[in-house]
């Protein structure tokens, strides 16, 4: 079971790294293309070019969108990872021969402790 979680985590990390690399490459490509486009347009439209700013805005919007999508994907992956760890936690404990640490079990244990303390107090009081 633990091997499974490790493998999944490694896969997810690799996916994230690949996505980040892709994003970096896209950004680099856009940065390389942008100056050329601006030069062409400046030559064609003269120094005051509104198209230039419009394209910059579009590219910035695109970048923002890409970043937002990536953040969402990463959050989803992290949520999935947490769910898997939660799902497998108790079974791993059971395999090791420990009782599953459920909320009720813990409450029951602390209640028993409380009872013991209370009986001790009562005994002290009686004596």
N, C-alpha and C. Protein backbone atom coordinates (compact mmCIF):
# COMPACT_ATOMS: atom_id res chain seq x y z
N UNK A 1 0.83 -1.20 0.00
CA UNK A 1 0.00 0.00 0.00
C UNK A 1 0.87 1.27 0.00
N UNK A 2 1.90 1.24 0.86
CA UNK A 2 2.75 2.43 0.94
C UNK A 2 3.48 2.65 -0.38
N UNK A 3 3.85 1.54 -1.03
CA UNK A 3 4.52 1.67 -2.32
C UNK A 3 3.60 2.36 -3.31
N UNK A 4 2.32 1.98 -3.27
CA UNK A 4 1.34 2.60 -4.16
C UNK A 4 1.30 4.11 -3.96
N UNK A 5 1.23 4.52 -2.70
CA UNK A 5 1.12 5.97 -2.45
C UNK A 5 2.38 6.65 -2.95
N UNK A 6 3.53 6.03 -2.71
CA UNK A 6 4.79 6.63 -3.16
C UNK A 6 4.81 6.77 -4.68
N UNK A 7 4.40 5.69 -5.36
CA UNK A 7 4.40 5.73 -6.82
C UNK A 7 3.49 6.83 -7.31
N UNK A 8 2.29 6.93 -6.70
CA UNK A 8 1.33 7.95 -7.14
C UNK A 8 1.91 9.34 -6.91
N UNK A 9 2.51 9.54 -5.75
CA UNK A 9 3.07 10.86 -5.47
C UNK A 9 4.16 11.21 -6.49
N UNK A 10 5.01 10.21 -6.81
CA UNK A 10 6.07 10.48 -7.78
C UNK A 10 5.47 10.83 -9.14
N UNK A 11 4.45 10.07 -9.55
CA UNK A 11 3.81 10.35 -10.84
C UNK A 11 3.27 11.78 -10.84
N UNK A 12 2.58 12.14 -9.76
CA UNK A 12 1.97 13.46 -9.71
C UNK A 12 3.03 14.55 -9.73
N UNK A 13 4.14 14.30 -9.02
CA UNK A 13 5.21 15.30 -9.03
C UNK A 13 5.78 15.46 -10.43
N UNK A 14 5.96 14.31 -11.13
CA UNK A 14 6.49 14.37 -12.49
C UNK A 14 5.54 15.16 -13.38
N UNK A 15 4.23 14.90 -13.23
CA UNK A 15 3.26 15.62 -14.04
C UNK A 15 3.36 17.12 -13.78
N UNK A 16 3.45 17.48 -12.53
CA UNK A 16 3.53 18.90 -12.19
C UNK A 16 4.79 19.52 -12.81
N UNK A 17 5.92 18.79 -12.70
CA UNK A 17 7.16 19.33 -13.25
C UNK A 17 7.04 19.50 -14.76
N UNK A 18 6.42 18.51 -15.42
CA UNK A 18 6.26 18.61 -16.86
C UNK A 18 5.41 19.83 -17.21
N UNK A 19 4.32 20.02 -16.47
CA UNK A 19 3.45 21.16 -16.74
C UNK A 19 4.22 22.47 -16.56
N UNK A 20 5.01 22.54 -15.51
CA UNK A 20 5.76 23.78 -15.27
C UNK A 20 6.75 24.03 -16.39
N UNK A 21 7.41 22.94 -16.85
CA UNK A 21 8.36 23.10 -17.95
C UNK A 21 7.64 23.58 -19.21
N UNK A 22 6.49 22.98 -19.48
CA UNK A 22 5.73 23.40 -20.66
C UNK A 22 5.39 24.88 -20.56
N UNK A 23 4.95 25.29 -19.40
CA UNK A 23 4.56 26.69 -19.24
C UNK A 23 5.77 27.60 -19.47
N UNK A 24 6.91 27.21 -18.91
CA UNK A 24 8.11 28.03 -19.11
C UNK A 24 8.44 28.15 -20.59
N UNK A 25 8.34 27.01 -21.30
CA UNK A 25 8.65 27.03 -22.73
C UNK A 25 7.70 27.95 -23.47
N UNK A 26 6.40 27.87 -23.12
CA UNK A 26 5.43 28.73 -23.78
C UNK A 26 5.75 30.19 -23.53
N UNK A 27 6.08 30.51 -22.30
CA UNK A 27 6.39 31.90 -21.98
C UNK A 27 7.61 32.37 -22.78
N UNK A 28 8.63 31.50 -22.86
CA UNK A 28 9.83 31.87 -23.61
C UNK A 28 9.49 32.11 -25.08
N UNK A 29 8.69 31.22 -25.65
CA UNK A 29 8.32 31.37 -27.05
C UNK A 29 7.61 32.70 -27.26
N UNK A 30 6.67 33.00 -26.37
CA UNK A 30 5.92 34.24 -26.53
C UNK A 30 6.84 35.45 -26.41
N UNK A 31 7.78 35.36 -25.48
CA UNK A 31 8.69 36.49 -25.31
C UNK A 31 9.58 36.67 -26.54
N UNK A 32 9.94 35.53 -27.16
CA UNK A 32 10.78 35.62 -28.35
C UNK A 32 9.99 36.18 -29.53
N UNK A 33 8.74 35.77 -29.64
CA UNK A 33 7.93 36.20 -30.79
C UNK A 33 7.51 37.66 -30.67
N UNK A 34 7.28 38.08 -29.47
CA UNK A 34 6.71 39.42 -29.26
C UNK A 34 7.54 40.55 -29.88
N UNK A 35 8.84 40.63 -29.59
CA UNK A 35 9.62 41.75 -30.14
C UNK A 35 9.57 41.78 -31.67
N UNK A 36 9.63 40.60 -32.29
CA UNK A 36 9.59 40.54 -33.75
C UNK A 36 8.29 41.11 -34.28
N UNK A 37 7.17 40.67 -33.67
CA UNK A 37 5.86 41.17 -34.10
C UNK A 37 5.81 42.67 -33.95
N UNK A 38 6.31 43.16 -32.83
CA UNK A 38 6.26 44.60 -32.58
C UNK A 38 7.07 45.35 -33.64
N UNK A 39 8.22 44.80 -34.00
CA UNK A 39 9.05 45.45 -35.02
C UNK A 39 8.31 45.53 -36.35
N UNK A 40 7.70 44.40 -36.74
CA UNK A 40 6.96 44.37 -38.00
C UNK A 40 5.86 45.43 -37.98
N UNK A 41 5.12 45.44 -36.88
CA UNK A 41 3.96 46.33 -36.82
C UNK A 41 4.41 47.78 -36.76
N UNK A 42 5.49 48.05 -36.03
CA UNK A 42 5.98 49.42 -35.93
C UNK A 42 6.40 49.89 -37.32
N UNK A 43 7.04 49.00 -38.07
CA UNK A 43 7.49 49.36 -39.42
C UNK A 43 6.28 49.61 -40.32
N UNK A 44 5.22 48.83 -40.11
CA UNK A 44 4.06 48.91 -40.99
C UNK A 44 3.16 50.09 -40.61
N UNK A 45 2.89 50.23 -39.29
CA UNK A 45 1.89 51.22 -38.86
C UNK A 45 2.51 52.54 -38.41
N UNK A 46 3.81 52.61 -38.39
CA UNK A 46 4.44 53.83 -37.89
C UNK A 46 4.63 53.74 -36.38
N UNK A 47 5.22 54.74 -35.75
CA UNK A 47 5.62 54.64 -34.34
C UNK A 47 4.43 54.50 -33.37
N UNK A 48 3.32 55.22 -33.64
CA UNK A 48 2.21 55.09 -32.71
C UNK A 48 1.32 53.95 -33.18
N UNK A 49 1.47 52.81 -32.53
CA UNK A 49 0.73 51.63 -32.97
C UNK A 49 -0.18 51.16 -31.84
N UNK A 50 -1.49 51.20 -32.08
CA UNK A 50 -2.41 50.71 -31.06
C UNK A 50 -2.44 49.20 -31.05
N UNK A 51 -2.20 48.62 -32.22
CA UNK A 51 -2.22 47.15 -32.31
C UNK A 51 -1.21 46.54 -31.34
N UNK A 52 -0.08 47.19 -31.23
CA UNK A 52 0.99 46.70 -30.38
C UNK A 52 0.48 46.47 -28.95
N UNK A 53 -0.15 47.52 -28.40
CA UNK A 53 -0.61 47.40 -27.01
C UNK A 53 -1.73 46.36 -26.92
N UNK A 54 -2.58 46.31 -27.94
CA UNK A 54 -3.68 45.35 -27.90
C UNK A 54 -3.12 43.92 -27.84
N UNK A 55 -2.10 43.68 -28.63
CA UNK A 55 -1.53 42.32 -28.62
C UNK A 55 -0.87 42.00 -27.28
N UNK A 56 -0.21 43.00 -26.73
CA UNK A 56 0.41 42.76 -25.43
C UNK A 56 -0.65 42.40 -24.39
N UNK A 57 -1.76 43.14 -24.44
CA UNK A 57 -2.83 42.86 -23.48
C UNK A 57 -3.35 41.44 -23.68
N UNK A 58 -3.55 41.06 -24.92
CA UNK A 58 -4.07 39.71 -25.19
C UNK A 58 -3.11 38.66 -24.66
N UNK A 59 -1.83 38.87 -24.90
CA UNK A 59 -0.86 37.87 -24.44
C UNK A 59 -0.80 37.81 -22.92
N UNK A 60 -0.91 38.97 -22.28
CA UNK A 60 -0.91 38.97 -20.81
C UNK A 60 -2.14 38.21 -20.29
N UNK A 61 -3.27 38.43 -20.95
CA UNK A 61 -4.48 37.71 -20.55
C UNK A 61 -4.29 36.22 -20.71
N UNK A 62 -3.71 35.83 -21.83
CA UNK A 62 -3.47 34.41 -22.08
C UNK A 62 -2.59 33.82 -20.98
N UNK A 63 -1.53 34.53 -20.65
CA UNK A 63 -0.62 34.05 -19.61
C UNK A 63 -1.36 33.90 -18.28
N UNK A 64 -2.16 34.91 -17.96
CA UNK A 64 -2.92 34.85 -16.71
C UNK A 64 -3.82 33.62 -16.69
N UNK A 65 -4.50 33.40 -17.80
CA UNK A 65 -5.40 32.25 -17.88
C UNK A 65 -4.63 30.95 -17.69
N UNK A 66 -3.50 30.84 -18.36
CA UNK A 66 -2.70 29.62 -18.24
C UNK A 66 -2.29 29.40 -16.79
N UNK A 67 -1.85 30.48 -16.15
CA UNK A 67 -1.41 30.34 -14.75
C UNK A 67 -2.56 29.91 -13.85
N UNK A 68 -3.74 30.51 -14.07
CA UNK A 68 -4.89 30.15 -13.25
C UNK A 68 -5.24 28.67 -13.44
N UNK A 69 -5.25 28.23 -14.69
CA UNK A 69 -5.58 26.83 -14.96
C UNK A 69 -4.59 25.92 -14.27
N UNK A 70 -3.32 26.30 -14.35
CA UNK A 70 -2.30 25.45 -13.73
C UNK A 70 -2.48 25.37 -12.22
N UNK A 71 -2.77 26.52 -11.61
CA UNK A 71 -2.98 26.51 -10.16
C UNK A 71 -4.15 25.60 -9.80
N UNK A 72 -5.22 25.66 -10.60
CA UNK A 72 -6.37 24.81 -10.33
C UNK A 72 -5.97 23.34 -10.44
N UNK A 73 -5.22 23.01 -11.49
CA UNK A 73 -4.80 21.61 -11.66
C UNK A 73 -3.97 21.16 -10.47
N UNK A 74 -3.05 22.01 -10.04
CA UNK A 74 -2.20 21.62 -8.91
C UNK A 74 -3.02 21.44 -7.65
N UNK A 75 -4.00 22.34 -7.44
CA UNK A 75 -4.84 22.20 -6.25
C UNK A 75 -5.61 20.89 -6.31
N UNK A 76 -6.15 20.56 -7.49
CA UNK A 76 -6.89 19.31 -7.62
C UNK A 76 -5.99 18.13 -7.32
N UNK A 77 -4.76 18.17 -7.85
CA UNK A 77 -3.84 17.06 -7.60
C UNK A 77 -3.54 16.93 -6.12
N UNK A 78 -3.33 18.07 -5.46
CA UNK A 78 -3.04 18.02 -4.02
C UNK A 78 -4.23 17.45 -3.26
N UNK A 79 -5.45 17.85 -3.65
CA UNK A 79 -6.63 17.32 -2.98
C UNK A 79 -6.72 15.82 -3.18
N UNK A 80 -6.46 15.37 -4.40
CA UNK A 80 -6.50 13.93 -4.66
C UNK A 80 -5.47 13.22 -3.79
N UNK A 81 -4.28 13.78 -3.71
CA UNK A 81 -3.23 13.16 -2.89
C UNK A 81 -3.70 13.04 -1.44
N UNK A 82 -4.27 14.12 -0.91
CA UNK A 82 -4.72 14.08 0.48
C UNK A 82 -5.80 13.04 0.67
N UNK A 83 -6.74 12.95 -0.28
CA UNK A 83 -7.81 11.96 -0.16
C UNK A 83 -7.22 10.56 -0.14
N UNK A 84 -6.25 10.31 -1.01
CA UNK A 84 -5.66 8.97 -1.06
C UNK A 84 -4.97 8.65 0.26
N UNK A 85 -4.28 9.63 0.80
CA UNK A 85 -3.60 9.37 2.06
C UNK A 85 -4.61 9.10 3.17
N UNK A 86 -5.72 9.83 3.15
CA UNK A 86 -6.74 9.61 4.17
C UNK A 86 -7.38 8.24 3.99
N UNK A 87 -7.66 7.88 2.71
CA UNK A 87 -8.32 6.60 2.46
C UNK A 87 -7.43 5.44 2.92
N UNK A 88 -6.13 5.57 2.68
CA UNK A 88 -5.26 4.42 2.95
C UNK A 88 -4.70 4.41 4.36
N UNK A 89 -4.79 5.54 5.05
CA UNK A 89 -4.22 5.62 6.40
C UNK A 89 -4.67 4.49 7.30
N UNK A 90 -6.00 4.35 7.53
CA UNK A 90 -6.48 3.33 8.46
C UNK A 90 -6.11 1.91 8.04
N UNK A 91 -6.14 1.61 6.72
CA UNK A 91 -5.85 0.23 6.30
C UNK A 91 -4.40 -0.11 6.60
N UNK A 92 -3.51 0.88 6.44
CA UNK A 92 -2.10 0.61 6.76
C UNK A 92 -1.97 0.29 8.24
N UNK A 93 -2.72 1.02 9.07
CA UNK A 93 -2.64 0.77 10.50
C UNK A 93 -3.18 -0.62 10.82
N UNK A 94 -4.25 -0.99 10.12
CA UNK A 94 -4.84 -2.31 10.40
C UNK A 94 -3.85 -3.41 10.03
N UNK A 95 -3.15 -3.22 8.92
CA UNK A 95 -2.18 -4.24 8.50
C UNK A 95 -1.10 -4.41 9.56
N UNK A 96 -0.75 -3.33 10.22
CA UNK A 96 0.29 -3.41 11.23
C UNK A 96 -0.25 -3.95 12.55
N UNK A 97 -1.54 -4.26 12.58
CA UNK A 97 -2.10 -4.91 13.76
C UNK A 97 -2.60 -3.95 14.82
N UNK A 98 -2.62 -2.64 14.51
CA UNK A 98 -3.16 -1.68 15.47
C UNK A 98 -4.64 -1.48 15.19
N UNK A 99 -5.41 -1.11 16.20
CA UNK A 99 -6.82 -0.83 15.94
C UNK A 99 -6.94 0.44 15.09
N UNK A 100 -7.95 0.55 14.24
CA UNK A 100 -8.11 1.77 13.44
C UNK A 100 -8.41 2.96 14.35
N UNK A 101 -7.74 4.06 14.11
CA UNK A 101 -7.93 5.22 14.99
C UNK A 101 -9.13 6.03 14.51
N UNK A 102 -10.29 5.54 14.77
CA UNK A 102 -11.49 6.30 14.38
C UNK A 102 -11.81 7.29 15.49
N UNK A 103 -12.66 8.25 15.17
CA UNK A 103 -13.01 9.29 16.15
C UNK A 103 -13.67 8.65 17.39
N UNK A 104 -14.59 7.69 17.12
CA UNK A 104 -15.30 7.07 18.25
C UNK A 104 -14.33 6.34 19.18
N UNK A 105 -13.37 5.64 18.53
CA UNK A 105 -12.40 4.86 19.30
C UNK A 105 -11.61 5.79 20.22
N UNK A 106 -11.17 6.92 19.66
CA UNK A 106 -10.38 7.87 20.46
C UNK A 106 -11.23 8.45 21.59
N UNK A 107 -12.48 8.79 21.27
CA UNK A 107 -13.37 9.35 22.30
C UNK A 107 -13.57 8.33 23.42
N UNK A 108 -13.80 7.09 23.02
CA UNK A 108 -14.03 6.02 23.99
C UNK A 108 -12.81 5.91 24.91
N UNK A 109 -11.61 5.94 24.30
CA UNK A 109 -10.39 5.81 25.10
C UNK A 109 -10.26 6.94 26.11
N UNK A 110 -10.51 8.18 25.65
CA UNK A 110 -10.35 9.31 26.57
C UNK A 110 -11.42 9.24 27.66
N UNK A 111 -12.60 8.71 27.31
CA UNK A 111 -13.66 8.59 28.32
C UNK A 111 -13.24 7.60 29.41
N UNK A 112 -12.64 6.49 28.96
CA UNK A 112 -12.18 5.49 29.94
C UNK A 112 -11.14 6.11 30.87
N UNK A 113 -10.22 6.88 30.28
CA UNK A 113 -9.20 7.56 31.09
C UNK A 113 -9.88 8.45 32.12
N UNK A 114 -10.86 9.19 31.64
CA UNK A 114 -11.58 10.10 32.52
C UNK A 114 -12.25 9.35 33.66
N UNK A 115 -12.87 8.20 33.34
CA UNK A 115 -13.53 7.38 34.36
C UNK A 115 -12.52 6.95 35.42
N UNK A 116 -11.35 6.50 34.97
CA UNK A 116 -10.33 6.03 35.91
C UNK A 116 -9.96 7.15 36.87
N UNK A 117 -9.74 8.35 36.31
CA UNK A 117 -9.36 9.49 37.15
C UNK A 117 -10.47 9.79 38.15
N UNK A 118 -11.70 9.73 37.66
CA UNK A 118 -12.83 10.05 38.54
C UNK A 118 -12.90 9.04 39.69
N UNK A 119 -12.72 7.74 39.39
CA UNK A 119 -12.80 6.73 40.47
C UNK A 119 -11.65 6.95 41.46
N UNK A 120 -10.48 7.32 40.96
CA UNK A 120 -9.36 7.57 41.87
C UNK A 120 -9.70 8.73 42.80
N UNK A 121 -10.29 9.78 42.21
CA UNK A 121 -10.65 10.94 43.03
C UNK A 121 -11.65 10.53 44.12
N UNK A 122 -12.63 9.71 43.69
CA UNK A 122 -13.65 9.28 44.65
C UNK A 122 -12.99 8.51 45.79
N UNK A 123 -12.06 7.60 45.43
CA UNK A 123 -11.40 6.79 46.46
C UNK A 123 -10.64 7.70 47.44
N UNK A 124 -9.94 8.69 46.86
CA UNK A 124 -9.19 9.61 47.73
C UNK A 124 -10.15 10.33 48.67
N UNK A 125 -11.27 10.75 48.11
CA UNK A 125 -12.25 11.47 48.91
C UNK A 125 -12.78 10.60 50.04
N UNK A 126 -13.05 9.33 49.75
CA UNK A 126 -13.58 8.41 50.76
C UNK A 126 -12.55 8.21 51.86
N UNK A 127 -11.29 8.06 51.47
CA UNK A 127 -10.26 7.84 52.47
C UNK A 127 -10.03 9.15 53.18
